[in-house]
């Protein structure tokens, strides 16, 4: 699945987990696959630096 921004990707990943999916990775703009918690931490750190 493709999402237009990080927030939407995290939201969808959480929805999939709630539906019973367990092997969820998010591919970031860097092209690397990240587990949900790792991706969220990176997005939070990036937002902290930017804001």
PDB file of N, CA and C in Angstrom:
ATOM      1  N   UNK A   1       0.844  -1.176   0.000  1.00  0.00           N
ATOM      2  CA  UNK A   1       0.000   0.000   0.000  1.00  0.00           C
ATOM      3  C   UNK A   1       0.886   1.234   0.000  1.00  0.00           C
ATOM      4  N   UNK A   2       0.417   2.260  -0.615  1.00  0.00           N
ATOM      5  CA  UNK A   2       1.179   3.503  -0.668  1.00  0.00           C
ATOM      6  C   UNK A   2       0.383   4.598   0.018  1.00  0.00           C
ATOM      7  N   UNK A   3       1.075   5.389   0.810  1.00  0.00           N
ATOM      8  CA  UNK A   3       0.467   6.536   1.471  1.00  0.00           C
ATOM      9  C   UNK A   3       1.279   7.771   1.128  1.00  0.00           C
ATOM     10  N   UNK A   4       0.628   8.925   1.086  1.00  0.00           N
ATOM     11  CA  UNK A   4       1.276  10.159   0.653  1.00  0.00           C
ATOM     12  C   UNK A   4       2.179  10.805   1.698  1.00  0.00           C
ATOM     13  N   UNK A   5       2.001  10.453   2.968  1.00  0.00           N
ATOM     14  CA  UNK A   5       2.857  11.065   3.996  1.00  0.00           C
ATOM     15  C   UNK A   5       3.058  10.084   5.141  1.00  0.00           C
ATOM     16  N   UNK A   6       3.993  10.417   6.009  1.00  0.00           N
ATOM     17  CA  UNK A   6       4.365   9.530   7.109  1.00  0.00           C
ATOM     18  C   UNK A   6       3.199   9.311   8.071  1.00  0.00           C
ATOM     19  N   UNK A   7       2.453  10.351   8.364  1.00  0.00           N
ATOM     20  CA  UNK A   7       1.330  10.234   9.297  1.00  0.00           C
ATOM     21  C   UNK A   7       0.308   9.226   8.782  1.00  0.00           C
ATOM     22  N   UNK A   8       0.001   9.285   7.512  1.00  0.00           N
ATOM     23  CA  UNK A   8      -0.964   8.351   6.913  1.00  0.00           C
ATOM     24  C   UNK A   8      -0.413   6.928   6.915  1.00  0.00           C
ATOM     25  N   UNK A   9       0.881   6.776   6.695  1.00  0.00           N
ATOM     26  CA  UNK A   9       1.494   5.445   6.696  1.00  0.00           C
ATOM     27  C   UNK A   9       1.422   4.827   8.085  1.00  0.00           C
ATOM     28  N   UNK A  10       1.697   5.620   9.116  1.00  0.00           N
ATOM     29  CA  UNK A  10       1.635   5.124  10.486  1.00  0.00           C
ATOM     30  C   UNK A  10       0.203   4.761  10.849  1.00  0.00           C
ATOM     31  N   UNK A  11      -0.739   5.605  10.477  1.00  0.00           N
ATOM     32  CA  UNK A  11      -2.152   5.332  10.764  1.00  0.00           C
ATOM     33  C   UNK A  11      -2.578   4.009  10.129  1.00  0.00           C
ATOM     34  N   UNK A  12      -2.234   3.801   8.862  1.00  0.00           N
ATOM     35  CA  UNK A  12      -2.616   2.571   8.171  1.00  0.00           C
ATOM     36  C   UNK A  12      -1.933   1.359   8.799  1.00  0.00           C
ATOM     37  N   UNK A  13      -0.680   1.495   9.172  1.00  0.00           N
ATOM     38  CA  UNK A  13       0.036   0.390   9.804  1.00  0.00           C
ATOM     39  C   UNK A  13      -0.648  -0.015  11.105  1.00  0.00           C
ATOM     40  N   UNK A  14      -1.084   0.960  11.889  1.00  0.00           N
ATOM     41  CA  UNK A  14      -1.781   0.657  13.144  1.00  0.00           C
ATOM     42  C   UNK A  14      -3.123  -0.013  12.874  1.00  0.00           C
ATOM     43  N   UNK A  15      -3.823   0.430  11.837  1.00  0.00           N
ATOM     44  CA  UNK A  15      -5.087  -0.206  11.462  1.00  0.00           C
ATOM     45  C   UNK A  15      -4.862  -1.661  11.072  1.00  0.00           C
ATOM     46  N   UNK A  16      -3.816  -1.917  10.308  1.00  0.00           N
ATOM     47  CA  UNK A  16      -3.504  -3.285   9.904  1.00  0.00           C
ATOM     48  C   UNK A  16      -3.178  -4.158  11.116  1.00  0.00           C
ATOM     49  N   UNK A  17      -2.440  -3.597  12.079  1.00  0.00           N
ATOM     50  CA  UNK A  17      -2.123  -4.340  13.293  1.00  0.00           C
ATOM     51  C   UNK A  17      -3.397  -4.668  14.066  1.00  0.00           C
ATOM     52  N   UNK A  18      -4.295  -3.697  14.153  1.00  0.00           N
ATOM     53  CA  UNK A  18      -5.571  -3.926  14.843  1.00  0.00           C
ATOM     54  C   UNK A  18      -6.392  -5.017  14.164  1.00  0.00           C
ATOM     55  N   UNK A  19      -6.205  -5.166  12.854  1.00  0.00           N
ATOM     56  CA  UNK A  19      -6.928  -6.192  12.089  1.00  0.00           C
ATOM     57  C   UNK A  19      -6.241  -7.558  12.148  1.00  0.00           C
ATOM     58  N   UNK A  20      -5.114  -7.645  12.869  1.00  0.00           N
ATOM     59  CA  UNK A  20      -4.447  -8.928  13.040  1.00  0.00           C
ATOM     60  C   UNK A  20      -3.199  -9.139  12.202  1.00  0.00           C
ATOM     61  N   UNK A  21      -2.830  -8.180  11.400  1.00  0.00           N
ATOM     62  CA  UNK A  21      -1.581  -8.302  10.635  1.00  0.00           C
ATOM     63  C   UNK A  21      -0.413  -8.115  11.599  1.00  0.00           C
ATOM     64  N   UNK A  22       0.673  -8.819  11.366  1.00  0.00           N
ATOM     65  CA  UNK A  22       1.766  -8.729  12.322  1.00  0.00           C
ATOM     66  C   UNK A  22       3.120  -8.462  11.684  1.00  0.00           C
ATOM     67  N   UNK A  23       3.275  -8.648  10.420  1.00  0.00           N
ATOM     68  CA  UNK A  23       4.566  -8.433   9.753  1.00  0.00           C
ATOM     69  C   UNK A  23       4.462  -7.166   8.915  1.00  0.00           C
ATOM     70  N   UNK A  24       4.493  -6.027   9.590  1.00  0.00           N
ATOM     71  CA  UNK A  24       4.273  -4.741   8.927  1.00  0.00           C
ATOM     72  C   UNK A  24       5.576  -3.954   8.907  1.00  0.00           C
ATOM     73  N   UNK A  25       5.944  -3.501   7.739  1.00  0.00           N
ATOM     74  CA  UNK A  25       7.106  -2.632   7.582  1.00  0.00           C
ATOM     75  C   UNK A  25       6.677  -1.419   6.776  1.00  0.00           C
ATOM     76  N   UNK A  26       7.313  -0.303   7.087  1.00  0.00           N
ATOM     77  CA  UNK A  26       7.059   0.927   6.337  1.00  0.00           C
ATOM     78  C   UNK A  26       8.347   1.283   5.617  1.00  0.00           C
ATOM     79  N   UNK A  27       8.239   1.495   4.326  1.00  0.00           N
ATOM     80  CA  UNK A  27       9.409   1.911   3.552  1.00  0.00           C
ATOM     81  C   UNK A  27       9.407   3.428   3.497  1.00  0.00           C
ATOM     82  N   UNK A  28      10.455   4.012   4.047  1.00  0.00           N
ATOM     83  CA  UNK A  28      10.561   5.461   4.112  1.00  0.00           C
ATOM     84  C   UNK A  28      11.068   6.045   2.815  1.00  0.00           C
ATOM     85  N   UNK A  29      11.142   7.364   2.773  1.00  0.00           N
ATOM     86  CA  UNK A  29      11.633   8.031   1.570  1.00  0.00           C
ATOM     87  C   UNK A  29      13.084   7.669   1.240  1.00  0.00           C
ATOM     88  N   UNK A  30      13.798   7.144   2.240  1.00  0.00           N
ATOM     89  CA  UNK A  30      15.177   6.722   2.018  1.00  0.00           C
ATOM     90  C   UNK A  30      15.264   5.366   1.322  1.00  0.00           C
ATOM     91  N   UNK A  31      14.098   4.703   1.141  1.00  0.00           N
ATOM     92  CA  UNK A  31      14.062   3.419   0.468  1.00  0.00           C
ATOM     93  C   UNK A  31      14.301   2.233   1.380  1.00  0.00           C
ATOM     94  N   UNK A  32      14.544   2.485   2.653  1.00  0.00           N
ATOM     95  CA  UNK A  32      14.777   1.411   3.610  1.00  0.00           C
ATOM     96  C   UNK A  32      13.485   1.055   4.335  1.00  0.00           C
ATOM     97  N   UNK A  33      13.315  -0.236   4.602  1.00  0.00           N
ATOM     98  CA  UNK A  33      12.142  -0.709   5.341  1.00  0.00           C
ATOM     99  C   UNK A  33      12.393  -0.558   6.834  1.00  0.00           C
ATOM    100  N   UNK A  34      11.364  -0.074   7.542  1.00  0.00           N
ATOM    101  CA  UNK A  34      11.450   0.149   8.979  1.00  0.00           C
ATOM    102  C   UNK A  34      10.256  -0.505   9.651  1.00  0.00           C
ATOM    103  N   UNK A  35      10.469  -1.019  10.855  1.00  0.00           N
ATOM    104  CA  UNK A  35       9.336  -1.490  11.643  1.00  0.00           C
ATOM    105  C   UNK A  35       8.573  -0.263  12.116  1.00  0.00           C
ATOM    106  N   UNK A  36       7.312  -0.440  12.468  1.00  0.00           N
ATOM    107  CA  UNK A  36       6.442   0.677  12.822  1.00  0.00           C
ATOM    108  C   UNK A  36       7.035   1.543  13.926  1.00  0.00           C
ATOM    109  N   UNK A  37       7.465   0.953  15.026  1.00  0.00           N
ATOM    110  CA  UNK A  37       7.992   1.725  16.159  1.00  0.00           C
ATOM    111  C   UNK A  37       9.229   2.529  15.750  1.00  0.00           C
ATOM    112  N   UNK A  38      10.088   1.921  14.969  1.00  0.00           N
ATOM    113  CA  UNK A  38      11.301   2.597  14.502  1.00  0.00           C
ATOM    114  C   UNK A  38      10.936   3.781  13.600  1.00  0.00           C
ATOM    115  N   UNK A  39       9.995   3.567  12.698  1.00  0.00           N
ATOM    116  CA  UNK A  39       9.578   4.626  11.778  1.00  0.00           C
ATOM    117  C   UNK A  39       8.948   5.783  12.540  1.00  0.00           C
ATOM    118  N   UNK A  40       8.076   5.459  13.514  1.00  0.00           N
ATOM    119  CA  UNK A  40       7.444   6.508  14.324  1.00  0.00           C
ATOM    120  C   UNK A  40       8.492   7.320  15.078  1.00  0.00           C
ATOM    121  N   UNK A  41       9.489   6.650  15.638  1.00  0.00           N
ATOM    122  CA  UNK A  41      10.546   7.340  16.381  1.00  0.00           C
ATOM    123  C   UNK A  41      11.321   8.282  15.465  1.00  0.00           C
ATOM    124  N   UNK A  42      11.609   7.842  14.260  1.00  0.00           N
ATOM    125  CA  UNK A  42      12.330   8.692  13.310  1.00  0.00           C
ATOM    126  C   UNK A  42      11.498   9.915  12.931  1.00  0.00           C
ATOM    127  N   UNK A  43      10.192   9.713  12.728  1.00  0.00           N
ATOM    128  CA  UNK A  43       9.324  10.825  12.347  1.00  0.00           C
ATOM    129  C   UNK A  43       9.203  11.823  13.489  1.00  0.00           C
ATOM    130  N   UNK A  44       9.108  11.333  14.720  1.00  0.00           N
ATOM    131  CA  UNK A  44       9.015  12.198  15.883  1.00  0.00           C
ATOM    132  C   UNK A  44      10.300  13.002  16.056  1.00  0.00           C
ATOM    133  N   UNK A  45      11.437  12.344  15.890  1.00  0.00           N
ATOM    134  CA  UNK A  45      12.724  13.021  16.019  1.00  0.00           C
ATOM    135  C   UNK A  45      12.879  14.075  14.930  1.00  0.00           C
ATOM    136  N   UNK A  46      12.438  13.763  13.727  1.00  0.00           N
ATOM    137  CA  UNK A  46      12.509  14.722  12.632  1.00  0.00           C
ATOM    138  C   UNK A  46      11.622  15.927  12.864  1.00  0.00           C
ATOM    139  N   UNK A  47      10.443  15.701  13.417  1.00  0.00           N
ATOM    140  CA  UNK A  47       9.519  16.794  13.717  1.00  0.00           C
ATOM    141  C   UNK A  47      10.072  17.664  14.834  1.00  0.00           C
ATOM    142  N   UNK A  48      10.715  17.052  15.818  1.00  0.00           N
ATOM    143  CA  UNK A  48      11.313  17.810  16.912  1.00  0.00           C
ATOM    144  C   UNK A  48      12.432  18.721  16.398  1.00  0.00           C
ATOM    145  N   UNK A  49      13.224  18.207  15.467  1.00  0.00           N
ATOM    146  CA  UNK A  49      14.330  19.015  14.921  1.00  0.00           C
ATOM    147  C   UNK A  49      13.794  20.149  14.039  1.00  0.00           C
ATOM    148  N   UNK A  50      12.710  19.877  13.323  1.00  0.00           N
ATOM    149  CA  UNK A  50      12.166  20.871  12.395  1.00  0.00           C
ATOM    150  C   UNK A  50      11.344  21.942  13.116  1.00  0.00           C
ATOM    151  N   UNK A  51      10.764  21.600  14.247  1.00  0.00           N
ATOM    152  CA  UNK A  51       9.828  22.532  14.864  1.00  0.00           C
ATOM    153  C   UNK A  51      10.308  23.107  16.105  1.00  0.00           C
TER     154      UNK A  51
END
